[in-house]
Amino acid sequence: MGYNVAVVGATGAVGREMLRTLAERNFPADKVYALASQKSAGREVSYGDDEVIKVEALDSFDFSNAHIALFSAGGDTSKAYADKAGKAGCIVIDNSSAFRMEDDVPLIVPEVNPDAVEGCLIANGGRNIIANPNCSTAQLVVALKPLHDAYGVKRVITSTYQATSGAGQAGMDELFNQTKGIFVNDQNPPETFTKQIAFNVIPHIDVFMDDGFTKEEWKMRAETKKIMDDSIEVVAHAVRVPVFVGHSESVFVETAKPFDEGEARDLLREADGVSVIDHRANEGYVTPVESAGEDAVFISRLRRDPSIENGMVFWCVSDNLRKGAALNSVQIAELVVARKLAG
């Protein structure tokens, strides 16, 4: 059976990546709809190497014509249209934060908690909506899953170094324009970010909460607990860095059981979605530049943490537009198809 797939937010950076990923992975689509705002209707976007799709207006689209819809147009758009699509019989895979912590919406990373996808169906108490996690959470839980299964993860401390593409095309444009402006003495004041991003780092992503953490940092804690295990304690510090694509994380893990470093490295090598590149030498690790355009979550610099019993440290890098957004959404769609939940 072929499926009709709608991509909402098709003209944005993640929407375009969703279309590219669907084509690259030969998703069984009979028909692909590219949806965006009324002002984008009539534009054309690429689907694969040879096909061009004309963008249609989201506000007039009939979701009963689609089996699956991938949403990446922001939380407000998702709140306005996702339930409408779900009630029309379409399975919605939403990339925004709008539904992630709703009890009747599963939050899915296919390598980590695939069985939870069954809970999306209206017949099973769901809303025909599946949430895609925050980009930093997605790569973190893929790395933690094999370690938790083997040793029991008790606590995670992470600092993130997040690319400007996490703020959309406007974020990447601001980095480019500010960097160029510095060399030609042309001031480009911050608009997307709170401070200059070129040649700088900003320890602030999303809004501040009452306890001093930002919402981005809260998301990593709350989402990791929902996806993996509520008993895992997580504390995060999120930083925006002058990188176009690729989120990086330094991760400090405390496990319940003792672990062997070599065994832990082997478990990660064998895990779905993980690539271990860890040589204790120059260039023996992965940086965001190498991760761009790749599907894997890359692990490097794994070593024992001598400051705590059963402590481990590693470096984790992934393309935030792919595993952090588009790829994970398409993998969820593949899971929906494999389990015959749509149609």
C-alpha atoms as a PDB file:
ATOM      1  CA  MET A   1       0.000   0.000   0.000  1.00  0.00           C
ATOM      2  CA  GLY A   2       1.195   3.511  -0.784  1.00  0.00           C
ATOM      3  CA  TYR A   3       0.497   6.436   1.500  1.00  0.00           C
ATOM      4  CA  ASN A   4      -0.481  10.047   0.966  1.00  0.00           C
ATOM      5  CA  VAL A   5       1.856  12.259   2.987  1.00  0.00           C
ATOM      6  CA  ALA A   6       1.471  15.943   3.794  1.00  0.00           C
ATOM      7  CA  VAL A   7       4.444  18.063   4.894  1.00  0.00           C
ATOM      8  CA  VAL A   8       3.304  21.149   6.805  1.00  0.00           C
ATOM      9  CA  GLY A   9       5.858  23.954   6.773  1.00  0.00           C
ATOM     10  CA  ALA A  10       7.330  22.640   3.535  1.00  0.00           C
ATOM     11  CA  THR A  11       9.124  25.883   2.661  1.00  0.00           C
ATOM     12  CA  GLY A  12      11.107  26.035   5.933  1.00  0.00           C
ATOM     13  CA  ALA A  13      14.525  24.524   6.603  1.00  0.00           C
ATOM     14  CA  VAL A  14      13.160  21.463   8.426  1.00  0.00           C
ATOM     15  CA  GLY A  15      10.231  21.051   6.025  1.00  0.00           C
ATOM     16  CA  ARG A  16      12.589  20.934   3.064  1.00  0.00           C
ATOM     17  CA  GLU A  17      14.754  18.442   4.943  1.00  0.00           C
ATOM     18  CA  MET A  18      11.657  16.304   5.566  1.00  0.00           C
ATOM     19  CA  LEU A  19      10.885  16.221   1.855  1.00  0.00           C
ATOM     20  CA  ARG A  20      14.503  15.348   1.074  1.00  0.00           C
ATOM     21  CA  THR A  21      14.569  12.602   3.711  1.00  0.00           C
ATOM     22  CA  LEU A  22      11.291  11.046   2.559  1.00  0.00           C
ATOM     23  CA  ALA A  23      12.720  10.781  -0.962  1.00  0.00           C
ATOM     24  CA  GLU A  24      16.153   9.541   0.146  1.00  0.00           C
ATOM     25  CA  ARG A  25      14.647   6.772   2.269  1.00  0.00           C
ATOM     26  CA  ASN A  26      12.179   5.726  -0.461  1.00  0.00           C
ATOM     27  CA  PHE A  27       9.200   6.210   1.801  1.00  0.00           C
ATOM     28  CA  PRO A  28       6.178   4.410   0.288  1.00  0.00           C
ATOM     29  CA  ALA A  29       4.367   7.588  -0.722  1.00  0.00           C
ATOM     30  CA  ASP A  30       1.825   7.591  -3.528  1.00  0.00           C
ATOM     31  CA  LYS A  31       1.241  11.320  -3.162  1.00  0.00           C
ATOM     32  CA  VAL A  32       3.165  14.045  -1.319  1.00  0.00           C
ATOM     33  CA  TYR A  33       1.518  17.361  -0.469  1.00  0.00           C
ATOM     34  CA  ALA A  34       3.678  20.385   0.353  1.00  0.00           C
ATOM     35  CA  LEU A  35       1.738  22.724   2.634  1.00  0.00           C
ATOM     36  CA  ALA A  36       2.567  26.193   3.932  1.00  0.00           C
ATOM     37  CA  SER A  37       0.927  29.556   4.610  1.00  0.00           C
ATOM     38  CA  GLN A  38      -1.271  31.265   2.044  1.00  0.00           C
ATOM     39  CA  LYS A  39       1.553  33.628   1.067  1.00  0.00           C
ATOM     40  CA  SER A  40       3.741  30.645   0.071  1.00  0.00           C
ATOM     41  CA  ALA A  41       1.046  28.919  -1.996  1.00  0.00           C
ATOM     42  CA  GLY A  42       2.144  28.435  -5.574  1.00  0.00           C
ATOM     43  CA  ARG A  43       5.851  28.261  -4.785  1.00  0.00           C
ATOM     44  CA  GLU A  44       7.725  25.114  -5.745  1.00  0.00           C
ATOM     45  CA  VAL A  45       9.817  22.811  -3.562  1.00  0.00           C
ATOM     46  CA  SER A  46      11.946  19.815  -4.474  1.00  0.00           C
ATOM     47  CA  TYR A  47      11.074  16.236  -3.673  1.00  0.00           C
ATOM     48  CA  GLY A  48      14.059  14.042  -4.414  1.00  0.00           C
ATOM     49  CA  ASP A  49      16.332  14.758  -7.356  1.00  0.00           C
ATOM     50  CA  ASP A  50      13.754  15.001 -10.129  1.00  0.00           C
ATOM     51  CA  GLU A  51      10.335  15.898  -8.735  1.00  0.00           C
ATOM     52  CA  VAL A  52       9.071  19.384  -8.000  1.00  0.00           C
ATOM     53  CA  ILE A  53       5.926  19.931  -5.920  1.00  0.00           C
ATOM     54  CA  LYS A  54       3.757  23.022  -5.926  1.00  0.00           C
ATOM     55  CA  VAL A  55       3.030  24.363  -2.453  1.00  0.00           C
ATOM     56  CA  GLU A  56      -0.607  24.408  -1.358  1.00  0.00           C
ATOM     57  CA  ALA A  57      -2.223  26.598   1.306  1.00  0.00           C
ATOM     58  CA  LEU A  58      -2.505  24.860   4.661  1.00  0.00           C
ATOM     59  CA  ASP A  59      -5.686  26.632   5.718  1.00  0.00           C
ATOM     60  CA  SER A  60      -7.719  25.146   2.860  1.00  0.00           C
ATOM     61  CA  PHE A  61      -6.224  21.635   2.815  1.00  0.00           C
ATOM     62  CA  ASP A  62      -8.491  18.653   3.488  1.00  0.00           C
ATOM     63  CA  PHE A  63      -6.522  16.322   5.791  1.00  0.00           C
ATOM     64  CA  SER A  64      -8.824  13.419   5.008  1.00  0.00           C
ATOM     65  CA  ASN A  65      -6.794  13.186   1.792  1.00  0.00           C
ATOM     66  CA  ALA A  66      -3.606  12.370   3.733  1.00  0.00           C
ATOM     67  CA  HIS A  67      -2.733   9.242   5.721  1.00  0.00           C
ATOM     68  CA  ILE A  68       0.254  10.863   7.477  1.00  0.00           C
ATOM     69  CA  ALA A  69       1.187  14.500   8.053  1.00  0.00           C
ATOM     70  CA  LEU A  70       4.602  15.744   9.130  1.00  0.00           C
ATOM     71  CA  PHE A  71       4.257  19.113  10.876  1.00  0.00           C
ATOM     72  CA  SER A  72       7.154  21.562  11.135  1.00  0.00           C
ATOM     73  CA  ALA A  73       5.634  25.015  11.072  1.00  0.00           C
ATOM     74  CA  GLY A  74       5.824  26.015  14.733  1.00  0.00           C
ATOM     75  CA  GLY A  75       3.728  25.412  17.822  1.00  0.00           C
ATOM     76  CA  ASP A  76       0.949  27.849  16.984  1.00  0.00           C
ATOM     77  CA  THR A  77       0.325  26.195  13.627  1.00  0.00           C
ATOM     78  CA  SER A  78       0.375  22.753  15.213  1.00  0.00           C
ATOM     79  CA  LYS A  79      -2.139  23.810  17.861  1.00  0.00           C
ATOM     80  CA  ALA A  80      -4.407  25.204  15.156  1.00  0.00           C
ATOM     81  CA  TYR A  81      -4.321  22.253  12.737  1.00  0.00           C
ATOM     82  CA  ALA A  82      -2.970  19.036  14.315  1.00  0.00           C
ATOM     83  CA  ASP A  83      -6.142  18.004  16.123  1.00  0.00           C
ATOM     84  CA  LYS A  84      -8.170  18.902  13.051  1.00  0.00           C
ATOM     85  CA  ALA A  85      -5.964  16.590  10.975  1.00  0.00           C
ATOM     86  CA  GLY A  86      -6.115  13.830  13.588  1.00  0.00           C
ATOM     87  CA  LYS A  87      -9.896  13.921  13.707  1.00  0.00           C
ATOM     88  CA  ALA A  88      -9.930  13.634   9.895  1.00  0.00           C
ATOM     89  CA  GLY A  89      -8.161  10.282  10.244  1.00  0.00           C
ATOM     90  CA  CYS A  90      -4.646  11.483   9.470  1.00  0.00           C
ATOM     91  CA  ILE A  91      -1.716  10.474  11.726  1.00  0.00           C
ATOM     92  CA  VAL A  92       0.132  13.665  12.672  1.00  0.00           C
ATOM     93  CA  ILE A  93       3.842  13.639  13.499  1.00  0.00           C
ATOM     94  CA  ASP A  94       4.524  17.012  15.050  1.00  0.00           C
ATOM     95  CA  ASN A  95       7.988  18.550  15.308  1.00  0.00           C
ATOM     96  CA  SER A  96       6.980  21.427  17.608  1.00  0.00           C
ATOM     97  CA  SER A  97       6.844  21.447  21.407  1.00  0.00           C
ATOM     98  CA  ALA A  98       3.059  21.926  21.400  1.00  0.00           C
ATOM     99  CA  PHE A  99       2.072  18.383  22.441  1.00  0.00           C
ATOM    100  CA  ARG A 100       5.243  16.764  23.773  1.00  0.00           C
ATOM    101  CA  MET A 101       4.201  16.641  27.409  1.00  0.00           C
ATOM    102  CA  GLU A 102       0.518  15.829  26.811  1.00  0.00           C
ATOM    103  CA  ASP A 103      -0.419  12.505  28.425  1.00  0.00           C
ATOM    104  CA  ASP A 104      -2.445  11.401  25.390  1.00  0.00           C
ATOM    105  CA  VAL A 105       0.350  12.138  22.882  1.00  0.00           C
ATOM    106  CA  PRO A 106       3.320   9.732  22.715  1.00  0.00           C
ATOM    107  CA  LEU A 107       6.787  11.291  22.468  1.00  0.00           C
ATOM    108  CA  ILE A 108       8.810   9.011  20.221  1.00  0.00           C
ATOM    109  CA  VAL A 109      12.394   8.283  19.246  1.00  0.00           C
ATOM    110  CA  PRO A 110      12.123   5.029  17.261  1.00  0.00           C
ATOM    111  CA  GLU A 111      15.463   3.600  18.449  1.00  0.00           C
ATOM    112  CA  VAL A 112      14.433   4.169  22.068  1.00  0.00           C
ATOM    113  CA  ASN A 113      10.676   3.712  22.691  1.00  0.00           C
ATOM    114  CA  PRO A 114       8.989   2.407  19.516  1.00  0.00           C
ATOM    115  CA  ASP A 115       6.224   0.537  21.358  1.00  0.00           C
ATOM    116  CA  ALA A 116       4.813   3.800  22.724  1.00  0.00           C
ATOM    117  CA  VAL A 117       3.671   4.711  19.199  1.00  0.00           C
ATOM    118  CA  GLU A 118       0.581   2.510  19.572  1.00  0.00           C
ATOM    119  CA  GLY A 119      -0.788   5.023  22.071  1.00  0.00           C
ATOM    120  CA  CYS A 120      -1.276   7.655  19.368  1.00  0.00           C
ATOM    121  CA  LEU A 121      -4.455   6.115  17.982  1.00  0.00           C
ATOM    122  CA  ILE A 122      -7.814   7.578  18.946  1.00  0.00           C
ATOM    123  CA  ALA A 123      -9.000   4.003  19.537  1.00  0.00           C
ATOM    124  CA  ASN A 124      -6.219   3.603  22.116  1.00  0.00           C
ATOM    125  CA  GLY A 125      -6.971   6.844  23.931  1.00  0.00           C
ATOM    126  CA  GLY A 126      -4.762   9.063  21.785  1.00  0.00           C
ATOM    127  CA  ARG A 127      -5.459  11.888  19.352  1.00  0.00           C
ATOM    128  CA  ASN A 128      -3.791  10.536  16.187  1.00  0.00           C
ATOM    129  CA  ILE A 129      -0.866  12.805  17.130  1.00  0.00           C
ATOM    130  CA  ILE A 130       2.739  11.766  17.776  1.00  0.00           C
ATOM    131  CA  ALA A 131       5.282  14.261  19.085  1.00  0.00           C
ATOM    132  CA  ASN A 132       8.860  14.539  17.896  1.00  0.00           C
ATOM    133  CA  PRO A 133      11.192  15.530  20.755  1.00  0.00           C
ATOM    134  CA  ASN A 134      13.481  18.504  21.053  1.00  0.00           C
ATOM    135  CA  CYS A 135      16.518  18.114  18.792  1.00  0.00           C
ATOM    136  CA  SER A 136      18.978  17.977  21.698  1.00  0.00           C
ATOM    137  CA  THR A 137      16.867  15.435  23.553  1.00  0.00           C
ATOM    138  CA  ALA A 138      16.622  13.170  20.501  1.00  0.00           C
ATOM    139  CA  GLN A 139      20.351  12.659  20.121  1.00  0.00           C
ATOM    140  CA  LEU A 140      20.864  12.376  23.883  1.00  0.00           C
ATOM    141  CA  VAL A 141      18.362   9.551  24.409  1.00  0.00           C
ATOM    142  CA  VAL A 142      19.681   7.599  21.415  1.00  0.00           C
ATOM    143  CA  ALA A 143      23.098   7.642  23.095  1.00  0.00           C
ATOM    144  CA  LEU A 144      21.728   6.843  26.566  1.00  0.00           C
ATOM    145  CA  LYS A 145      19.415   3.968  25.564  1.00  0.00           C
ATOM    146  CA  PRO A 146      22.011   1.129  25.347  1.00  0.00           C
ATOM    147  CA  LEU A 147      23.722   2.346  28.518  1.00  0.00           C
ATOM    148  CA  HIS A 148      20.443   2.473  30.429  1.00  0.00           C
ATOM    149  CA  ASP A 149      19.450  -0.999  29.278  1.00  0.00           C
ATOM    150  CA  ALA A 150      22.777  -2.449  30.439  1.00  0.00           C
ATOM    151  CA  TYR A 151      23.686  -0.458  33.525  1.00  0.00           C
ATOM    152  CA  GLY A 152      20.714   1.692  34.553  1.00  0.00           C
ATOM    153  CA  VAL A 153      21.278   5.407  34.075  1.00  0.00           C
ATOM    154  CA  LYS A 154      20.722   7.286  37.345  1.00  0.00           C
ATOM    155  CA  ARG A 155      21.809  10.819  36.512  1.00  0.00           C
ATOM    156  CA  VAL A 156      22.825  12.818  33.447  1.00  0.00           C
ATOM    157  CA  ILE A 157      24.569  16.187  33.384  1.00  0.00           C
ATOM    158  CA  THR A 158      24.874  17.751  29.947  1.00  0.00           C
ATOM    159  CA  SER A 159      25.983  20.984  28.364  1.00  0.00           C
ATOM    160  CA  THR A 160      24.745  21.533  24.822  1.00  0.00           C
ATOM    161  CA  TYR A 161      26.448  23.514  22.074  1.00  0.00           C
ATOM    162  CA  GLN A 162      23.601  24.152  19.668  1.00  0.00           C
ATOM    163  CA  ALA A 163      23.800  25.283  16.055  1.00  0.00           C
ATOM    164  CA  THR A 164      22.046  28.381  14.775  1.00  0.00           C
ATOM    165  CA  SER A 165      19.848  26.262  12.489  1.00  0.00           C
ATOM    166  CA  GLY A 166      18.015  25.264  15.652  1.00  0.00           C
ATOM    167  CA  ALA A 167      16.467  28.736  15.403  1.00  0.00           C
ATOM    168  CA  GLY A 168      15.523  28.208  11.758  1.00  0.00           C
ATOM    169  CA  GLN A 169      16.733  29.912   8.612  1.00  0.00           C
ATOM    170  CA  ALA A 170      16.695  33.287  10.389  1.00  0.00           C
ATOM    171  CA  GLY A 171      19.270  32.003  12.860  1.00  0.00           C
ATOM    172  CA  MET A 172      21.627  30.826  10.139  1.00  0.00           C
ATOM    173  CA  ASP A 173      21.176  34.079   8.237  1.00  0.00           C
ATOM    174  CA  GLU A 174      22.029  36.100  11.338  1.00  0.00           C
ATOM    175  CA  LEU A 175      25.259  34.156  11.872  1.00  0.00           C
ATOM    176  CA  PHE A 176      26.218  34.609   8.213  1.00  0.00           C
ATOM    177  CA  ASN A 177      25.402  38.321   8.092  1.00  0.00           C
ATOM    178  CA  GLN A 178      27.074  39.151  11.379  1.00  0.00           C
ATOM    179  CA  THR A 179      30.215  37.234  10.448  1.00  0.00           C
ATOM    180  CA  LYS A 180      30.414  38.947   7.081  1.00  0.00           C
ATOM    181  CA  GLY A 181      29.680  42.321   8.672  1.00  0.00           C
ATOM    182  CA  ILE A 182      32.556  42.038  11.123  1.00  0.00           C
ATOM    183  CA  PHE A 183      35.049  41.741   8.259  1.00  0.00           C
ATOM    184  CA  VAL A 184      33.662  44.739   6.366  1.00  0.00           C
ATOM    185  CA  ASN A 185      32.916  46.883   9.439  1.00  0.00           C
ATOM    186  CA  ASP A 186      29.165  46.678   8.879  1.00  0.00           C
ATOM    187  CA  GLN A 187      27.120  46.384  12.068  1.00  0.00           C
ATOM    188  CA  ASN A 188      24.396  43.730  12.134  1.00  0.00           C
ATOM    189  CA  PRO A 189      22.659  43.970  15.518  1.00  0.00           C
ATOM    190  CA  PRO A 190      21.045  40.805  16.905  1.00  0.00           C
ATOM    191  CA  GLU A 191      17.435  40.146  15.987  1.00  0.00           C
ATOM    192  CA  THR A 192      16.933  36.378  16.202  1.00  0.00           C
ATOM    193  CA  PHE A 193      19.334  35.917  19.117  1.00  0.00           C
ATOM    194  CA  THR A 194      19.664  37.960  22.294  1.00  0.00           C
ATOM    195  CA  LYS A 195      23.304  38.855  21.704  1.00  0.00           C
ATOM    196  CA  GLN A 196      25.839  38.759  18.884  1.00  0.00           C
ATOM    197  CA  ILE A 197      26.288  35.160  17.717  1.00  0.00           C
ATOM    198  CA  ALA A 198      29.240  35.651  15.345  1.00  0.00           C
ATOM    199  CA  PHE A 199      32.525  34.825  17.113  1.00  0.00           C
ATOM    200  CA  ASN A 200      30.570  34.394  20.353  1.00  0.00           C
ATOM    201  CA  VAL A 201      28.578  31.887  22.411  1.00  0.00           C
ATOM    202  CA  ILE A 202      25.238  32.641  24.097  1.00  0.00           C
ATOM    203  CA  PRO A 203      24.300  30.688  27.271  1.00  0.00           C
ATOM    204  CA  HIS A 204      20.605  31.180  26.637  1.00  0.00           C
ATOM    205  CA  ILE A 205      18.150  29.238  24.455  1.00  0.00           C
ATOM    206  CA  ASP A 206      14.384  29.779  24.753  1.00  0.00           C
ATOM    207  CA  VAL A 207      12.742  31.736  27.575  1.00  0.00           C
ATOM    208  CA  PHE A 208      13.876  31.866  31.200  1.00  0.00           C
ATOM    209  CA  MET A 209      11.805  30.056  33.815  1.00  0.00           C
ATOM    210  CA  ASP A 210      11.300  31.035  37.453  1.00  0.00           C
ATOM    211  CA  ASP A 211      14.029  28.688  38.722  1.00  0.00           C
ATOM    212  CA  GLY A 212      16.686  30.217  36.447  1.00  0.00           C
ATOM    213  CA  PHE A 213      16.752  27.413  33.899  1.00  0.00           C
ATOM    214  CA  THR A 214      15.622  28.101  30.356  1.00  0.00           C
ATOM    215  CA  LYS A 215      12.731  26.248  28.770  1.00  0.00           C
ATOM    216  CA  GLU A 216      15.209  24.476  26.449  1.00  0.00           C
ATOM    217  CA  GLU A 217      16.992  23.082  29.495  1.00  0.00           C
ATOM    218  CA  TRP A 218      13.691  22.070  31.081  1.00  0.00           C
ATOM    219  CA  LYS A 219      12.657  20.304  27.871  1.00  0.00           C
ATOM    220  CA  MET A 220      15.733  18.076  27.957  1.00  0.00           C
ATOM    221  CA  ARG A 221      14.956  16.994  31.509  1.00  0.00           C
ATOM    222  CA  ALA A 222      11.211  16.473  31.057  1.00  0.00           C
ATOM    223  CA  GLU A 223      11.421  14.824  27.638  1.00  0.00           C
ATOM    224  CA  THR A 224      14.200  12.414  28.609  1.00  0.00           C
ATOM    225  CA  LYS A 225      12.111  11.265  31.552  1.00  0.00           C
ATOM    226  CA  LYS A 226       9.006  10.765  29.391  1.00  0.00           C
ATOM    227  CA  ILE A 227      10.833   8.929  26.609  1.00  0.00           C
ATOM    228  CA  MET A 228      13.134   6.748  28.716  1.00  0.00           C
ATOM    229  CA  ASP A 229      12.495   6.523  32.438  1.00  0.00           C
ATOM    230  CA  ASP A 230      11.018   8.972  34.934  1.00  0.00           C
ATOM    231  CA  SER A 231      13.597   7.921  37.530  1.00  0.00           C
ATOM    232  CA  ILE A 232      16.513   9.362  35.519  1.00  0.00           C
ATOM    233  CA  GLU A 233      17.665  12.723  36.861  1.00  0.00           C
ATOM    234  CA  VAL A 234      18.766  15.185  34.182  1.00  0.00           C
ATOM    235  CA  VAL A 235      20.284  18.654  34.412  1.00  0.00           C
ATOM    236  CA  ALA A 236      21.178  20.612  31.279  1.00  0.00           C
ATOM    237  CA  HIS A 237      22.863  23.866  30.339  1.00  0.00           C
ATOM    238  CA  ALA A 238      22.011  24.965  26.795  1.00  0.00           C
ATOM    239  CA  VAL A 239      24.354  27.222  24.811  1.00  0.00           C
ATOM    240  CA  ARG A 240      23.999  28.648  21.294  1.00  0.00           C
ATOM    241  CA  VAL A 241      27.252  28.547  19.319  1.00  0.00           C
ATOM    242  CA  PRO A 242      28.348  30.030  15.956  1.00  0.00           C
ATOM    243  CA  VAL A 243      27.781  26.840  13.962  1.00  0.00           C
ATOM    244  CA  PHE A 244      25.337  26.473  11.079  1.00  0.00           C
ATOM    245  CA  VAL A 245      24.341  22.805  11.433  1.00  0.00           C
ATOM    246  CA  GLY A 246      25.056  20.173  14.074  1.00  0.00           C
ATOM    247  CA  HIS A 247      24.330  20.117  17.797  1.00  0.00           C
ATOM    248  CA  SER A 248      27.052  18.956  20.189  1.00  0.00           C
ATOM    249  CA  GLU A 249      26.728  17.782  23.776  1.00  0.00           C
ATOM    250  CA  SER A 250      29.145  16.981  26.545  1.00  0.00           C
ATOM    251  CA  VAL A 251      27.454  14.247  28.576  1.00  0.00           C
ATOM    252  CA  PHE A 252      28.277  13.079  32.106  1.00  0.00           C
ATOM    253  CA  VAL A 253      26.458   9.888  33.122  1.00  0.00           C
ATOM    254  CA  GLU A 254      26.155   8.126  36.468  1.00  0.00           C
ATOM    255  CA  THR A 255      24.971   4.516  36.271  1.00  0.00           C
ATOM    256  CA  ALA A 256      23.405   2.289  38.924  1.00  0.00           C
ATOM    257  CA  LYS A 257      25.607  -0.692  38.059  1.00  0.00           C
ATOM    258  CA  PRO A 258      29.373  -0.818  37.505  1.00  0.00           C
ATOM    259  CA  PHE A 259      30.401  -0.813  33.865  1.00  0.00           C
ATOM    260  CA  ASP A 260      33.374  -1.874  31.826  1.00  0.00           C
ATOM    261  CA  GLU A 261      34.569   0.928  29.566  1.00  0.00           C
ATOM    262  CA  GLY A 262      35.310  -1.364  26.629  1.00  0.00           C
ATOM    263  CA  GLU A 263      31.962  -3.106  26.956  1.00  0.00           C
ATOM    264  CA  ALA A 264      30.148   0.232  27.091  1.00  0.00           C
ATOM    265  CA  ARG A 265      31.902   1.335  23.915  1.00  0.00           C
ATOM    266  CA  ASP A 266      30.917  -1.937  22.214  1.00  0.00           C
ATOM    267  CA  LEU A 267      27.288  -1.541  23.300  1.00  0.00           C
ATOM    268  CA  LEU A 268      27.197   1.906  21.742  1.00  0.00           C
ATOM    269  CA  ARG A 269      28.832   0.634  18.532  1.00  0.00           C
ATOM    270  CA  GLU A 270      26.119  -2.001  18.189  1.00  0.00           C
ATOM    271  CA  ALA A 271      23.210   0.326  19.003  1.00  0.00           C
ATOM    272  CA  ASP A 272      20.761   1.455  16.327  1.00  0.00           C
ATOM    273  CA  GLY A 273      21.438   4.967  15.108  1.00  0.00           C
ATOM    274  CA  VAL A 274      24.808   5.324  16.863  1.00  0.00           C
ATOM    275  CA  SER A 275      28.262   5.629  15.324  1.00  0.00           C
ATOM    276  CA  VAL A 276      31.285   5.509  17.629  1.00  0.00           C
ATOM    277  CA  ILE A 277      34.355   7.343  16.344  1.00  0.00           C
ATOM    278  CA  ASP A 278      36.675   7.475  19.302  1.00  0.00           C
ATOM    279  CA  HIS A 279      40.422   7.515  18.784  1.00  0.00           C
ATOM    280  CA  ARG A 280      42.602   9.174  21.383  1.00  0.00           C
ATOM    281  CA  ALA A 281      44.551  11.100  18.808  1.00  0.00           C
ATOM    282  CA  ASN A 282      44.323  14.244  16.719  1.00  0.00           C
ATOM    283  CA  GLU A 283      41.171  14.154  14.559  1.00  0.00           C
ATOM    284  CA  GLY A 284      39.955  11.044  16.391  1.00  0.00           C
ATOM    285  CA  TYR A 285      36.549  12.526  17.194  1.00  0.00           C
ATOM    286  CA  VAL A 286      33.553  14.011  15.398  1.00  0.00           C
ATOM    287  CA  THR A 287      32.668  17.706  15.224  1.00  0.00           C
ATOM    288  CA  PRO A 288      29.481  19.367  13.917  1.00  0.00           C
ATOM    289  CA  VAL A 289      31.049  19.907  10.504  1.00  0.00           C
ATOM    290  CA  GLU A 290      31.412  16.152   9.985  1.00  0.00           C
ATOM    291  CA  SER A 291      27.915  15.416  11.304  1.00  0.00           C
ATOM    292  CA  ALA A 292      26.113  17.718   8.853  1.00  0.00           C
ATOM    293  CA  GLY A 293      24.103  15.707   6.337  1.00  0.00           C
ATOM    294  CA  GLU A 294      24.553  12.455   8.281  1.00  0.00           C
ATOM    295  CA  ASP A 295      21.868  10.391  10.000  1.00  0.00           C
ATOM    296  CA  ALA A 296      23.833   8.966  12.919  1.00  0.00           C
ATOM    297  CA  VAL A 297      24.324  10.151  16.466  1.00  0.00           C
ATOM    298  CA  PHE A 298      28.105  10.233  16.785  1.00  0.00           C
ATOM    299  CA  ILE A 299      29.868   9.353  20.039  1.00  0.00           C
ATOM    300  CA  SER A 300      33.478  10.323  20.728  1.00  0.00           C
ATOM    301  CA  ARG A 301      35.837  10.792  23.682  1.00  0.00           C
ATOM    302  CA  LEU A 302      34.195   8.178  25.880  1.00  0.00           C
ATOM    303  CA  ARG A 303      36.042   7.735  29.153  1.00  0.00           C
ATOM    304  CA  ARG A 304      35.546   7.010  32.826  1.00  0.00           C
ATOM    305  CA  ASP A 305      34.661   9.884  35.169  1.00  0.00           C
ATOM    306  CA  PRO A 306      37.109   9.602  38.108  1.00  0.00           C
ATOM    307  CA  SER A 307      35.121  12.024  40.285  1.00  0.00           C
ATOM    308  CA  ILE A 308      32.228   9.645  40.936  1.00  0.00           C
ATOM    309  CA  GLU A 309      31.569   5.919  41.234  1.00  0.00           C
ATOM    310  CA  ASN A 310      30.122   4.449  38.036  1.00  0.00           C
ATOM    311  CA  GLY A 311      30.673   7.683  36.161  1.00  0.00           C
ATOM    312  CA  MET A 312      31.162   8.037  32.405  1.00  0.00           C
ATOM    313  CA  VAL A 313      31.833  10.997  30.109  1.00  0.00           C
ATOM    314  CA  PHE A 314      31.372  11.276  26.345  1.00  0.00           C
ATOM    315  CA  TRP A 315      30.964  13.749  23.490  1.00  0.00           C
ATOM    316  CA  CYS A 316      27.811  13.476  21.360  1.00  0.00           C
ATOM    317  CA  VAL A 317      27.228  15.163  17.981  1.00  0.00           C
ATOM    318  CA  SER A 318      24.346  14.974  15.502  1.00  0.00           C
ATOM    319  CA  ASP A 319      22.825  16.900  12.599  1.00  0.00           C
ATOM    320  CA  ASN A 320      19.973  18.734  14.321  1.00  0.00           C
ATOM    321  CA  LEU A 321      18.008  19.150  11.080  1.00  0.00           C
ATOM    322  CA  ARG A 322      18.077  15.401  10.472  1.00  0.00           C
ATOM    323  CA  LYS A 323      18.047  13.212  13.607  1.00  0.00           C
ATOM    324  CA  GLY A 324      16.935  16.188  15.649  1.00  0.00           C
ATOM    325  CA  ALA A 325      13.959  16.898  13.399  1.00  0.00           C
ATOM    326  CA  ALA A 326      13.358  15.627   9.851  1.00  0.00           C
ATOM    327  CA  LEU A 327      14.926  12.177  10.065  1.00  0.00           C
ATOM    328  CA  ASN A 328      13.299  11.321  13.382  1.00  0.00           C
ATOM    329  CA  SER A 329       9.927  12.429  11.994  1.00  0.00           C
ATOM    330  CA  VAL A 330      10.330  10.235   8.911  1.00  0.00           C
ATOM    331  CA  GLN A 331      11.499   7.311  11.049  1.00  0.00           C
ATOM    332  CA  ILE A 332       8.326   7.696  13.115  1.00  0.00           C
ATOM    333  CA  ALA A 333       6.322   7.681   9.884  1.00  0.00           C
ATOM    334  CA  GLU A 334       8.111   4.467   8.885  1.00  0.00           C
ATOM    335  CA  LEU A 335       7.198   3.014  12.284  1.00  0.00           C
ATOM    336  CA  VAL A 336       3.558   3.995  11.736  1.00  0.00           C
ATOM    337  CA  VAL A 337       3.620   2.216   8.375  1.00  0.00           C
ATOM    338  CA  ALA A 338       5.380  -0.879   9.743  1.00  0.00           C
ATOM    339  CA  ARG A 339       2.761  -1.219  12.473  1.00  0.00           C
ATOM    340  CA  LYS A 340      -0.108  -0.500  10.075  1.00  0.00           C
ATOM    341  CA  LEU A 341      -1.417   2.385  12.157  1.00  0.00           C
ATOM    342  CA  ALA A 342      -2.305   4.632   9.203  1.00  0.00           C
ATOM    343  CA  GLY A 343      -4.746   4.134   6.381  1.00  0.00           C
END
